C-alpha atoms as a PDB file:
ATOM      1  CA  MET A   1     -49.686 -27.972 -15.824  1.00  0.00           C
ATOM      2  CA  LEU A   2     -47.716 -27.308 -18.971  1.00  0.00           C
ATOM      3  CA  LYS A   3     -45.706 -30.385 -18.152  1.00  0.00           C
ATOM      4  CA  TRP A   4     -48.856 -32.534 -18.327  1.00  0.00           C
ATOM      5  CA  ALA A   5     -49.963 -30.803 -21.492  1.00  0.00           C
ATOM      6  CA  LEU A   6     -46.657 -31.686 -23.151  1.00  0.00           C
ATOM      7  CA  ILE A   7     -46.896 -35.270 -21.919  1.00  0.00           C
ATOM      8  CA  PHE A   8     -50.332 -35.694 -23.365  1.00  0.00           C
ATOM      9  CA  ALA A   9     -49.176 -34.057 -26.632  1.00  0.00           C
ATOM     10  CA  VAL A  10     -46.326 -36.531 -26.905  1.00  0.00           C
ATOM     11  CA  VAL A  11     -48.747 -39.414 -26.139  1.00  0.00           C
ATOM     12  CA  ALA A  12     -51.058 -38.117 -28.875  1.00  0.00           C
ATOM     13  CA  ILE A  13     -48.238 -37.986 -31.414  1.00  0.00           C
ATOM     14  CA  ILE A  14     -46.963 -41.458 -30.594  1.00  0.00           C
ATOM     15  CA  ALA A  15     -50.492 -42.923 -30.584  1.00  0.00           C
ATOM     16  CA  GLY A  16     -51.241 -41.250 -33.909  1.00  0.00           C
ATOM     17  CA  ALA A  17     -48.030 -42.622 -35.403  1.00  0.00           C
ATOM     18  CA  LEU A  18     -48.892 -46.109 -34.250  1.00  0.00           C
ATOM     19  CA  GLY A  19     -52.434 -45.882 -35.638  1.00  0.00           C
ATOM     20  CA  PHE A  20     -54.427 -45.500 -32.437  1.00  0.00           C
ATOM     21  CA  GLY A  21     -56.687 -42.713 -33.643  1.00  0.00           C
ATOM     22  CA  GLY A  22     -59.140 -42.683 -30.705  1.00  0.00           C
ATOM     23  CA  VAL A  23     -56.386 -42.525 -28.070  1.00  0.00           C
ATOM     24  CA  ALA A  24     -54.521 -39.875 -30.092  1.00  0.00           C
ATOM     25  CA  GLY A  25     -57.602 -37.681 -30.410  1.00  0.00           C
ATOM     26  CA  ALA A  26     -58.436 -38.004 -26.699  1.00  0.00           C
ATOM     27  CA  ALA A  27     -54.881 -37.220 -25.655  1.00  0.00           C
ATOM     28  CA  ALA A  28     -54.702 -34.277 -27.987  1.00  0.00           C
ATOM     29  CA  GLY A  29     -57.963 -32.908 -26.585  1.00  0.00           C
ATOM     30  CA  ILE A  30     -56.717 -33.246 -23.048  1.00  0.00           C
ATOM     31  CA  ALA A  31     -53.340 -31.562 -24.017  1.00  0.00           C
ATOM     32  CA  LYS A  32     -55.215 -28.684 -25.648  1.00  0.00           C
ATOM     33  CA  LEU A  33     -57.468 -28.210 -22.613  1.00  0.00           C
ATOM     34  CA  LEU A  34     -54.554 -28.240 -20.153  1.00  0.00           C
ATOM     35  CA  PHE A  35     -52.615 -25.798 -22.296  1.00  0.00           C
ATOM     36  CA  ILE A  36     -55.549 -23.372 -22.436  1.00  0.00           C
ATOM     37  CA  VAL A  37     -56.033 -23.584 -18.693  1.00  0.00           C
ATOM     38  CA  ALA A  38     -52.348 -23.014 -18.062  1.00  0.00           C
ATOM     39  CA  VAL A  39     -52.319 -19.858 -20.327  1.00  0.00           C
ATOM     40  CA  ILE A  40     -55.435 -18.499 -18.611  1.00  0.00           C
ATOM     41  CA  GLY A  41     -53.868 -19.123 -15.192  1.00  0.00           C
ATOM     42  CA  PHE A  42     -50.650 -17.400 -16.296  1.00  0.00           C
ATOM     43  CA  LEU A  43     -52.514 -14.360 -17.679  1.00  0.00           C
ATOM     44  CA  LEU A  44     -54.591 -14.155 -14.454  1.00  0.00           C
ATOM     45  CA  PHE A  45     -51.452 -14.171 -12.251  1.00  0.00           C
ATOM     46  CA  VAL A  46     -49.754 -11.591 -14.472  1.00  0.00           C
ATOM     47  CA  ALA A  47     -52.822  -9.285 -14.177  1.00  0.00           C
ATOM     48  CA  LEU A  48     -52.955  -9.770 -10.439  1.00  0.00           C
ATOM     49  CA  GLY A  49     -49.244  -9.098 -10.162  1.00  0.00           C
ATOM     50  CA  VAL A  50     -49.558  -5.869 -12.122  1.00  0.00           C
ATOM     51  CA  PHE A  51     -52.490  -4.583 -10.149  1.00  0.00           C
ATOM     52  CA  ALA A  52     -50.995  -5.581  -6.876  1.00  0.00           C
ATOM     53  CA  GLY A  53     -47.662  -3.998  -7.828  1.00  0.00           C
ATOM     54  CA  LYS A  54     -49.390  -0.732  -8.631  1.00  0.00           C
ATOM     55  CA  LYS A  55     -51.284  -0.769  -5.419  1.00  0.00           C
ATOM     56  CA  LEU A  56     -48.120  -1.395  -3.355  1.00  0.00           C
ATOM     57  CA  SER A  57     -46.028   1.181  -5.203  1.00  0.00           C
ATOM     58  CA  GLY A  58     -48.806   3.812  -4.997  1.00  0.00           C
ATOM     59  CA  ASN A  59     -48.942   4.556  -8.759  1.00  0.00           C
END
């Protein structure tokens, strides 16, 4: 998912440099959304890993 966020960010930068403001804004919005979803997913899996690890180790 971070790969797609980076792709959309690059598209936004290139489109902005070429003067395509609408496309750049849309691509930047999509990149921001994908990045936020990826961070939330990462934090969720870290929390699940910590709680599962504690349950397996008995601490």
